């Protein structure tokens, strides 16, 4: 029941030519140049949302010194991102009923309010800690729309031969924001052992670190204010005419879509294949500095490792999405290759961190290479997974499908970070979770039976 494909009636387009005898152009479609502006605005907001979410992990040593945070506090600050997905049904309904503009404006407002709260200059007062946590939670509430709307935007604005590429850009730019935090934070905020502190007045060093943290938060607030104003002035929900047959076709209702997704066994199978490794790697990368500290990796070096792992994943993901656009119907094969590489890389990294047992060389080169490869293979699989989700459950709307998927991925991240608040002394178990999640996902993908219902509509029905 859950694995059946869509019927011919469900594939019928809403918009048809006035002359039924003419079958050469069944849907009046047009691709607009302004689609790149819409994609850019969405991507910039996603970039800032990812940067704010990952702000504290790369500078956890400095935050402990400046504000008296513990390692559990740092884990909770990262945890607010997944917690923001708890009301995901509301945001998914809003995307389905009100469109992209209203959903994105609400998310941008949450980001603006959150950035403003945590930027209040209160020093080391207890209220400052609560404002920081509140700001991170509000930024997390923007996540359901930011991380789910990429495929909806690509279907609404882009032609079939550009959809996977647009999905890759929209869904991976938030990862680039997190990658920027790996570099910007450690470069602008000095680690405690790098701060010039006079022994007779250690508080001056703490104040200097707090001032640098405050400076970065002001800069992020300014960028979010500008983006909110631009989106408020211009961000249309859809173009005047659809870009493809699939964009104009009839979709299931909100309730029917949820029932279809929850009863589709193939969809649930591939959701687990996506949610487990991406959720684990999100929590793992959020505390990467804590993981690499026992290996004598500095805060700055850990930041660069995280940066290149995410940037490599984004660049490779866009390249593979462009490949998927040019050679259609190969999504499963691409995922198998990516997850096989992720499994090997995660195993290499985990064994390298256990030098006392494995006697493998633990050098900066091996840590850099294995960790970066993990990020490249897992992060680059995100847009390919999203496109395969849409093809598998079409005609379920893209926003609803990806809302369910990203919620489950963040649920895995939240569970991982929740356990981290209790088991934060020895983090080797996190590396084993990463390796196991990659192998688990690879096994599910190998047994998954792919289908391309939306591609069928665009390629065959439109001919």
Protein backbone atom coordinates (compact mmCIF):
# COMPACT_ATOMS: atom_id res chain seq x y z
CA UNK A 1 0.00 0.00 0.00
CA UNK A 2 2.63 2.51 1.03
CA UNK A 3 4.97 1.77 -1.87
CA UNK A 4 2.55 2.30 -4.78
CA UNK A 5 3.39 4.91 -7.39
CA UNK A 6 1.13 7.82 -8.23
CA UNK A 7 -1.76 7.19 -10.63
CA UNK A 8 -2.18 8.72 -14.06
CA UNK A 9 -4.93 11.00 -12.72
CA UNK A 10 -2.60 12.40 -10.07
CA UNK A 11 -0.07 13.26 -12.77
CA UNK A 12 -2.55 15.36 -14.80
CA UNK A 13 -1.48 19.04 -14.99
CA UNK A 14 -3.81 21.75 -13.76
CA UNK A 15 -3.05 24.08 -16.68
CA UNK A 16 -3.76 22.77 -20.19
CA UNK A 17 -3.99 24.51 -23.57
CA UNK A 18 -7.30 25.91 -24.74
CA UNK A 19 -7.16 23.63 -27.83
CA UNK A 20 -7.25 19.99 -26.65
CA UNK A 21 -6.19 18.74 -30.07
CA UNK A 22 -2.78 20.36 -29.71
CA UNK A 23 -0.51 18.13 -27.61
CA UNK A 24 2.84 19.73 -28.34
CA UNK A 25 2.68 22.18 -25.42
CA UNK A 26 0.38 20.81 -22.66
CA UNK A 27 1.38 23.50 -20.17
CA UNK A 28 2.16 27.13 -20.79
CA UNK A 29 5.47 27.50 -18.97
CA UNK A 30 8.21 30.08 -18.73
CA UNK A 31 11.47 30.41 -16.84
CA UNK A 32 12.20 33.89 -15.46
CA UNK A 33 15.62 35.45 -14.97
CA UNK A 34 14.57 36.77 -11.56
CA UNK A 35 14.75 33.19 -10.25
CA UNK A 36 18.45 33.74 -9.53
CA UNK A 37 17.65 36.77 -7.36
CA UNK A 38 15.07 34.76 -5.42
CA UNK A 39 17.56 31.92 -4.96
CA UNK A 40 20.26 34.38 -3.83
CA UNK A 41 18.05 36.02 -1.19
CA UNK A 42 16.95 32.67 0.16
CA UNK A 43 20.54 31.41 0.20
CA UNK A 44 21.84 34.45 2.08
CA UNK A 45 19.22 33.98 4.79
CA UNK A 46 20.10 30.29 5.00
CA UNK A 47 23.79 31.23 5.27
CA UNK A 48 23.15 33.51 8.26
CA UNK A 49 20.89 31.00 9.97
CA UNK A 50 23.61 28.37 9.77
CA UNK A 51 26.28 30.82 10.93
CA UNK A 52 24.29 31.82 14.02
CA UNK A 53 23.47 28.20 14.86
CA UNK A 54 27.13 27.13 14.76
CA UNK A 55 28.50 30.25 16.45
CA UNK A 56 29.35 28.79 19.87
CA UNK A 57 30.79 25.36 19.07
CA UNK A 58 34.00 26.56 17.34
CA UNK A 59 34.76 29.03 20.18
CA UNK A 60 33.70 26.85 23.09
CA UNK A 61 36.98 27.37 24.97
CA UNK A 62 36.59 31.14 24.70
CA UNK A 63 32.91 31.00 25.71
CA UNK A 64 33.78 28.95 28.80
CA UNK A 65 36.32 31.59 29.80
CA UNK A 66 34.25 34.66 28.93
CA UNK A 67 30.79 33.68 30.21
CA UNK A 68 31.48 30.77 32.53
CA UNK A 69 29.77 28.26 30.24
CA UNK A 70 30.32 24.55 30.82
CA UNK A 71 30.62 21.91 28.11
CA UNK A 72 26.99 21.03 28.76
CA UNK A 73 26.05 24.66 28.11
CA UNK A 74 27.82 24.56 24.74
CA UNK A 75 25.96 21.36 23.84
CA UNK A 76 22.64 22.99 24.79
CA UNK A 77 23.41 26.06 22.67
CA UNK A 78 23.90 23.75 19.68
CA UNK A 79 20.82 21.76 20.74
CA UNK A 80 18.52 24.77 20.33
CA UNK A 81 18.77 24.32 16.56
CA UNK A 82 17.06 20.90 16.56
CA UNK A 83 14.65 22.02 19.31
CA UNK A 84 13.43 24.74 16.93
CA UNK A 85 12.02 21.97 14.73
CA UNK A 86 9.46 20.84 17.32
CA UNK A 87 6.65 23.02 15.81
CA UNK A 88 7.56 21.81 12.31
CA UNK A 89 3.95 20.93 11.45
CA UNK A 90 2.99 24.60 11.80
CA UNK A 91 5.77 25.77 9.47
CA UNK A 92 5.03 23.03 6.94
CA UNK A 93 1.34 23.99 6.93
CA UNK A 94 2.30 27.65 6.48
CA UNK A 95 4.48 26.83 3.45
CA UNK A 96 1.72 24.74 1.93
CA UNK A 97 -1.11 27.25 2.48
CA UNK A 98 0.59 30.68 2.36
CA UNK A 99 3.58 30.08 0.13
CA UNK A 100 7.27 30.91 0.31
CA UNK A 101 7.04 34.64 1.00
CA UNK A 102 5.04 34.49 4.23
CA UNK A 103 7.03 31.52 5.52
CA UNK A 104 10.38 33.13 4.80
CA UNK A 105 9.37 36.48 6.31
CA UNK A 106 8.36 34.76 9.54
CA UNK A 107 11.65 32.85 9.65
CA UNK A 108 13.63 36.04 8.96
CA UNK A 109 11.78 37.77 11.78
CA UNK A 110 12.69 34.99 14.21
CA UNK A 111 16.32 35.28 13.13
CA UNK A 112 16.25 39.05 13.60
CA UNK A 113 14.70 38.85 17.05
CA UNK A 114 17.08 36.10 18.14
CA UNK A 115 20.17 37.97 16.93
CA UNK A 116 18.98 41.12 18.71
CA UNK A 117 18.36 39.32 22.02
CA UNK A 118 21.76 37.69 22.24
CA UNK A 119 23.51 40.94 21.23
CA UNK A 120 22.26 42.90 24.26
CA UNK A 121 25.50 44.16 25.91
CA UNK A 122 25.18 42.91 29.49
CA UNK A 123 28.66 41.52 30.16
CA UNK A 124 28.81 38.49 32.41
CA UNK A 125 25.47 38.98 34.19
CA UNK A 126 23.24 35.88 34.57
CA UNK A 127 20.61 37.55 32.35
CA UNK A 128 23.09 37.56 29.48
CA UNK A 129 23.22 33.78 29.52
CA UNK A 130 19.44 33.54 29.29
CA UNK A 131 19.35 36.04 26.43
CA UNK A 132 21.97 34.04 24.54
CA UNK A 133 19.99 30.83 24.97
CA UNK A 134 16.77 32.59 23.95
CA UNK A 135 18.42 34.04 20.86
CA UNK A 136 19.71 30.62 19.80
CA UNK A 137 16.23 29.12 20.24
CA UNK A 138 14.61 31.82 18.09
CA UNK A 139 17.23 31.25 15.41
CA UNK A 140 16.42 27.54 15.60
CA UNK A 141 12.74 28.32 14.93
CA UNK A 142 13.78 29.61 11.50
CA UNK A 143 15.26 26.21 10.69
CA UNK A 144 12.10 24.35 9.54
CA UNK A 145 11.52 26.78 6.68
CA UNK A 146 15.16 27.47 5.84
CA UNK A 147 16.11 23.79 5.65
CA UNK A 148 12.88 22.51 4.06
CA UNK A 149 12.00 25.08 1.40
CA UNK A 150 14.90 24.45 -1.00
CA UNK A 151 13.15 21.82 -3.18
CA UNK A 152 9.93 23.86 -3.12
CA UNK A 153 11.80 26.91 -4.36
CA UNK A 154 13.56 24.95 -7.11
CA UNK A 155 10.32 23.37 -8.36
CA UNK A 156 8.45 26.69 -8.23
CA UNK A 157 11.07 28.76 -10.08
CA UNK A 158 13.43 26.47 -12.05
CA UNK A 159 13.18 24.29 -15.13
CA UNK A 160 13.57 20.50 -14.78
CA UNK A 161 17.17 20.54 -16.04
CA UNK A 162 18.14 23.02 -13.28
CA UNK A 163 16.09 21.73 -10.34
CA UNK A 164 18.70 19.54 -8.66
CA UNK A 165 21.29 22.30 -8.95
CA UNK A 166 18.95 24.89 -7.42
CA UNK A 167 18.04 22.46 -4.64
CA UNK A 168 21.73 21.88 -3.94
CA UNK A 169 22.46 25.59 -3.67
CA UNK A 170 19.41 26.37 -1.51
CA UNK A 171 19.89 23.43 0.85
CA UNK A 172 23.69 23.57 1.22
CA UNK A 173 24.27 27.30 1.77
CA UNK A 174 23.18 26.98 5.40
CA UNK A 175 26.04 24.51 5.78
CA UNK A 176 28.35 27.15 4.34
CA UNK A 177 27.18 29.50 7.08
CA UNK A 178 28.13 26.90 9.66
CA UNK A 179 31.47 26.49 7.89
CA UNK A 180 32.09 30.25 8.06
CA UNK A 181 31.61 30.07 11.83
CA UNK A 182 34.43 27.54 12.03
CA UNK A 183 36.78 30.18 10.61
CA UNK A 184 35.34 33.56 11.66
CA UNK A 185 34.88 32.59 15.31
CA UNK A 186 38.39 31.28 16.06
CA UNK A 187 40.04 34.04 13.99
CA UNK A 188 38.20 36.96 15.58
CA UNK A 189 37.73 35.52 19.07
CA UNK A 190 41.04 34.55 20.71
CA UNK A 191 41.34 31.31 22.62
CA UNK A 192 42.18 31.68 26.34
CA UNK A 193 45.75 30.49 25.89
CA UNK A 194 46.26 33.06 23.12
CA UNK A 195 44.98 36.04 25.10
CA UNK A 196 47.46 38.44 26.63
CA UNK A 197 46.42 38.40 30.25
CA UNK A 198 48.21 40.14 33.07
CA UNK A 199 48.51 37.74 35.98
CA UNK A 200 47.46 40.34 38.51
CA UNK A 201 44.31 41.18 36.53
CA UNK A 202 42.91 38.10 34.81
CA UNK A 203 39.51 39.72 34.41
CA UNK A 204 40.90 41.99 31.70
CA UNK A 205 41.54 38.96 29.49
CA UNK A 206 37.98 37.73 30.03
CA UNK A 207 36.64 41.16 29.13
CA UNK A 208 38.67 41.24 25.92
CA UNK A 209 37.28 37.86 24.85
CA UNK A 210 33.73 39.01 25.63
CA UNK A 211 34.25 42.18 23.61
CA UNK A 212 35.39 40.17 20.60
CA UNK A 213 32.43 37.81 20.90
CA UNK A 214 30.11 40.81 21.16
CA UNK A 215 31.67 42.31 18.03
CA UNK A 216 30.93 39.20 15.97
CA UNK A 217 27.35 39.08 17.27
CA UNK A 218 26.83 42.74 16.29
CA UNK A 219 28.11 42.01 12.78
CA UNK A 220 25.73 39.05 12.39
CA UNK A 221 22.84 41.16 13.67
CA UNK A 222 23.59 43.86 11.09
CA UNK A 223 23.64 41.35 8.23
CA UNK A 224 20.31 39.84 9.32
CA UNK A 225 18.69 43.30 9.56
CA UNK A 226 19.69 44.07 5.97
CA UNK A 227 18.43 40.72 4.67
CA UNK A 228 15.12 41.05 6.52
CA UNK A 229 14.51 44.46 4.94
CA UNK A 230 15.35 43.18 1.45
CA UNK A 231 13.06 40.14 1.76
CA UNK A 232 10.31 42.40 3.11
CA UNK A 233 10.61 44.63 0.04
CA UNK A 234 10.91 41.87 -2.56
CA UNK A 235 10.45 38.11 -2.37
CA UNK A 236 7.54 36.74 -4.46
CA UNK A 237 6.02 33.39 -3.57
CA UNK A 238 5.88 32.19 -7.17
CA UNK A 239 6.47 33.40 -10.74
CA UNK A 240 3.58 34.59 -12.94
CA UNK A 241 3.80 31.37 -14.97
CA UNK A 242 5.11 27.95 -13.87
CA UNK A 243 8.48 26.78 -15.21
CA UNK A 244 7.41 23.16 -15.87
CA UNK A 245 4.53 20.70 -16.00
CA UNK A 246 5.30 19.46 -12.49
CA UNK A 247 5.19 22.98 -11.09
CA UNK A 248 1.65 23.42 -12.43
CA UNK A 249 0.34 19.96 -11.61
CA UNK A 250 -2.22 19.19 -8.95
CA UNK A 251 -0.88 18.25 -5.51
CA UNK A 252 -2.37 16.39 -2.58
CA UNK A 253 -3.93 18.25 0.32
CA UNK A 254 -2.09 18.81 3.59
CA UNK A 255 -3.85 15.99 5.45
CA UNK A 256 -3.66 13.56 2.55
CA UNK A 257 0.05 14.32 2.16
CA UNK A 258 0.85 13.52 5.79
CA UNK A 259 -1.11 10.27 5.58
CA UNK A 260 0.59 9.32 2.32
CA UNK A 261 4.06 9.96 3.75
CA UNK A 262 3.50 8.05 6.97
CA UNK A 263 2.08 5.04 5.12
CA UNK A 264 4.72 4.86 2.38
CA UNK A 265 7.22 2.22 3.44
CA UNK A 266 9.75 3.16 0.77
CA UNK A 267 9.65 6.76 1.91
CA UNK A 268 10.15 5.81 5.56
CA UNK A 269 13.05 3.60 4.53
CA UNK A 270 14.89 6.34 2.68
CA UNK A 271 14.07 8.90 5.38
CA UNK A 272 15.96 6.77 7.89
CA UNK A 273 18.83 6.52 5.42
CA UNK A 274 18.94 10.32 5.31
CA UNK A 275 18.06 11.34 8.86
CA UNK A 276 20.47 9.08 10.76
CA UNK A 277 23.82 10.04 9.16
CA UNK A 278 22.99 13.70 8.50
CA UNK A 279 21.57 14.12 12.00
CA UNK A 280 24.60 12.49 13.60
CA UNK A 281 27.11 14.48 11.54
CA UNK A 282 25.31 17.75 12.38
CA UNK A 283 25.67 17.13 16.11
CA UNK A 284 29.18 15.74 15.66
CA UNK A 285 30.41 18.77 13.70
CA UNK A 286 28.74 21.16 16.15
CA UNK A 287 31.08 19.97 18.91
CA UNK A 288 34.04 19.11 16.68
CA UNK A 289 36.37 21.29 18.75
CA UNK A 290 35.53 19.23 21.84
CA UNK A 291 36.13 15.98 19.93
CA UNK A 292 39.53 17.05 18.59
CA UNK A 293 40.82 18.63 21.81
CA UNK A 294 42.05 15.25 23.24
CA UNK A 295 44.04 14.80 20.01
CA UNK A 296 45.94 18.02 20.81
CA UNK A 297 44.24 19.96 18.00
CA UNK A 298 43.93 23.67 18.73
CA UNK A 299 40.71 25.66 18.50
CA UNK A 300 41.88 27.36 15.28
CA UNK A 301 42.98 24.10 13.63
CA UNK A 302 39.69 22.42 14.58
CA UNK A 303 37.88 25.37 13.02
CA UNK A 304 39.76 24.96 9.76
CA UNK A 305 39.04 21.22 9.71
CA UNK A 306 35.33 21.89 10.17
CA UNK A 307 35.43 24.65 7.57
CA UNK A 308 36.98 22.60 4.80
CA UNK A 309 34.82 19.55 5.53
CA UNK A 310 31.65 21.62 5.08
CA UNK A 311 32.91 23.72 2.16
CA UNK A 312 34.13 20.59 0.37
CA UNK A 313 30.75 18.97 0.90
CA UNK A 314 28.92 22.00 -0.49
CA UNK A 315 31.11 22.29 -3.59
CA UNK A 316 30.99 18.56 -4.27
CA UNK A 317 27.23 18.53 -3.63
CA UNK A 318 26.56 21.25 -6.20
CA UNK A 319 28.79 19.45 -8.72
CA UNK A 320 26.97 16.14 -8.19
CA UNK A 321 23.59 17.87 -8.40
CA UNK A 322 24.62 19.39 -11.73
CA UNK A 323 25.64 15.91 -12.85
CA UNK A 324 22.24 14.56 -11.74
CA UNK A 325 20.54 17.30 -13.80
CA UNK A 326 22.44 16.30 -16.92
CA UNK A 327 22.04 12.52 -16.46
CA UNK A 328 18.63 11.91 -14.94
CA UNK A 329 17.49 8.79 -13.14
CA UNK A 330 20.84 8.12 -11.40
CA UNK A 331 20.10 9.41 -7.89
CA UNK A 332 20.35 6.05 -6.13
CA UNK A 333 23.72 5.20 -7.71
CA UNK A 334 25.11 8.59 -6.71
CA UNK A 335 23.96 8.08 -3.11
CA UNK A 336 25.49 4.59 -2.93
CA UNK A 337 28.87 5.95 -3.97
CA UNK A 338 28.67 8.89 -1.54
CA UNK A 339 27.65 6.78 1.45
CA UNK A 340 30.31 4.17 0.72
CA UNK A 341 32.92 6.93 0.77
CA UNK A 342 31.43 8.35 3.98
CA UNK A 343 31.57 4.94 5.68
CA UNK A 344 35.22 4.43 4.82
CA UNK A 345 36.18 7.97 5.86
CA UNK A 346 34.30 7.80 9.18
CA UNK A 347 35.94 4.46 9.99
CA UNK A 348 39.35 5.92 9.21
CA UNK A 349 38.75 8.95 11.42
CA UNK A 350 37.42 6.86 14.32
CA UNK A 351 40.37 4.47 14.26
CA UNK A 352 42.84 7.36 13.93
CA UNK A 353 41.49 8.89 17.14
CA UNK A 354 42.13 5.57 18.93
CA UNK A 355 45.88 5.51 18.42
CA UNK A 356 46.50 3.74 21.75
CA UNK A 357 44.51 0.73 20.54
CA UNK A 358 45.02 0.75 16.78
CA UNK A 359 48.56 2.20 16.63
CA UNK A 360 47.55 4.11 13.50
CA UNK A 361 49.47 7.35 12.88
CA UNK A 362 47.53 10.29 14.30
CA UNK A 363 48.94 13.30 12.52
CA UNK A 364 47.45 16.59 11.47
CA UNK A 365 47.36 15.33 7.87
CA UNK A 366 45.39 12.17 8.69
CA UNK A 367 42.93 14.02 10.95
CA UNK A 368 42.42 16.74 8.36
CA UNK A 369 41.96 14.30 5.47
CA UNK A 370 39.62 11.80 7.16
CA UNK A 371 37.47 14.48 8.81
CA UNK A 372 37.17 16.55 5.63
CA UNK A 373 36.23 13.48 3.59
CA UNK A 374 33.45 12.66 6.07
CA UNK A 375 32.00 16.13 5.62
CA UNK A 376 32.36 16.05 1.84
CA UNK A 377 30.54 12.75 1.35
CA UNK A 378 27.73 13.27 3.86
CA UNK A 379 26.99 16.95 3.26
CA UNK A 380 27.06 16.53 -0.52
CA UNK A 381 24.42 13.79 -0.29
CA UNK A 382 21.78 16.16 1.15
CA UNK A 383 20.44 17.66 -2.13
CA UNK A 384 20.52 14.25 -3.85
CA UNK A 385 18.45 12.80 -0.99
CA UNK A 386 15.97 15.70 -1.17
CA UNK A 387 15.44 15.26 -4.90
CA UNK A 388 14.94 11.50 -4.45
CA UNK A 389 12.36 12.17 -1.71
CA UNK A 390 10.34 14.38 -4.03
CA UNK A 391 10.47 11.85 -6.87
CA UNK A 392 9.47 8.98 -4.56
CA UNK A 393 6.32 10.53 -3.04
CA UNK A 394 5.11 12.84 -5.84
CA UNK A 395 2.44 14.41 -5.92
CA UNK A 396 2.98 15.24 -2.24
CA UNK A 397 4.02 18.94 -2.08
CA UNK A 398 7.76 19.53 -1.76
CA UNK A 399 7.47 21.68 1.36
CA UNK A 400 5.56 19.02 3.29
CA UNK A 401 7.89 16.21 2.21
CA UNK A 402 11.06 18.06 3.13
CA UNK A 403 9.50 19.36 6.34
CA UNK A 404 8.99 15.79 7.57
CA UNK A 405 12.47 14.79 6.45
CA UNK A 406 14.35 17.69 8.05
CA UNK A 407 12.36 17.32 11.26
CA UNK A 408 13.46 13.69 11.60
CA UNK A 409 17.07 14.62 10.81
CA UNK A 410 17.04 17.28 13.50
CA UNK A 411 15.34 14.87 15.89
CA UNK A 412 18.37 12.59 15.53
CA UNK A 413 20.67 15.58 16.12
CA UNK A 414 18.69 16.60 19.17
CA UNK A 415 18.83 13.12 20.69
CA UNK A 416 22.58 12.98 20.11
CA UNK A 417 23.19 16.36 21.74
CA UNK A 418 20.85 15.48 24.59
CA UNK A 419 22.99 12.47 25.46
CA UNK A 420 26.06 14.66 25.04
CA UNK A 421 24.92 16.85 27.93
CA UNK A 422 25.26 13.78 30.20
CA UNK A 423 28.26 12.05 28.59
CA UNK A 424 30.59 14.91 27.73
CA UNK A 425 33.82 13.67 29.37
CA UNK A 426 34.92 11.08 26.81
CA UNK A 427 33.51 11.76 23.31
CA UNK A 428 34.91 8.72 21.49
CA UNK A 429 31.38 7.27 21.43
CA UNK A 430 30.38 10.09 19.07
CA UNK A 431 32.89 8.86 16.50
CA UNK A 432 31.48 5.34 16.68
CA UNK A 433 27.96 6.74 16.23
CA UNK A 434 29.15 8.54 13.11
CA UNK A 435 30.66 5.38 11.61
CA UNK A 436 27.63 3.25 12.45
CA UNK A 437 25.20 5.78 10.99
CA UNK A 438 27.02 5.80 7.64
CA UNK A 439 27.04 2.00 7.39
CA UNK A 440 23.36 1.85 8.39
CA UNK A 441 22.41 4.37 5.70
CA UNK A 442 24.43 2.58 3.03
CA UNK A 443 22.63 -0.71 3.77
CA UNK A 444 19.20 0.94 3.46
CA UNK A 445 20.05 2.64 0.17
CA UNK A 446 21.29 -0.61 -1.35
CA UNK A 447 17.86 -2.22 -0.73
CA UNK A 448 15.83 0.87 -1.75
CA UNK A 449 13.74 0.64 -4.94
CA UNK A 450 13.82 4.01 -6.69
CA UNK A 451 11.09 5.63 -8.81
CA UNK A 452 10.85 8.94 -10.68
CA UNK A 453 7.20 10.00 -10.84
CA UNK A 454 7.83 13.74 -11.15
CA UNK A 455 10.49 13.22 -13.82
CA UNK A 456 8.01 11.03 -15.73
CA UNK A 457 5.52 13.88 -15.74
CA UNK A 458 8.00 16.44 -17.05
CA UNK A 459 9.69 14.23 -19.64
CA UNK A 460 6.81 12.19 -21.06
CA UNK A 461 3.59 14.09 -20.36
CA UNK A 462 5.05 17.37 -21.65
CA UNK A 463 6.16 15.81 -24.94
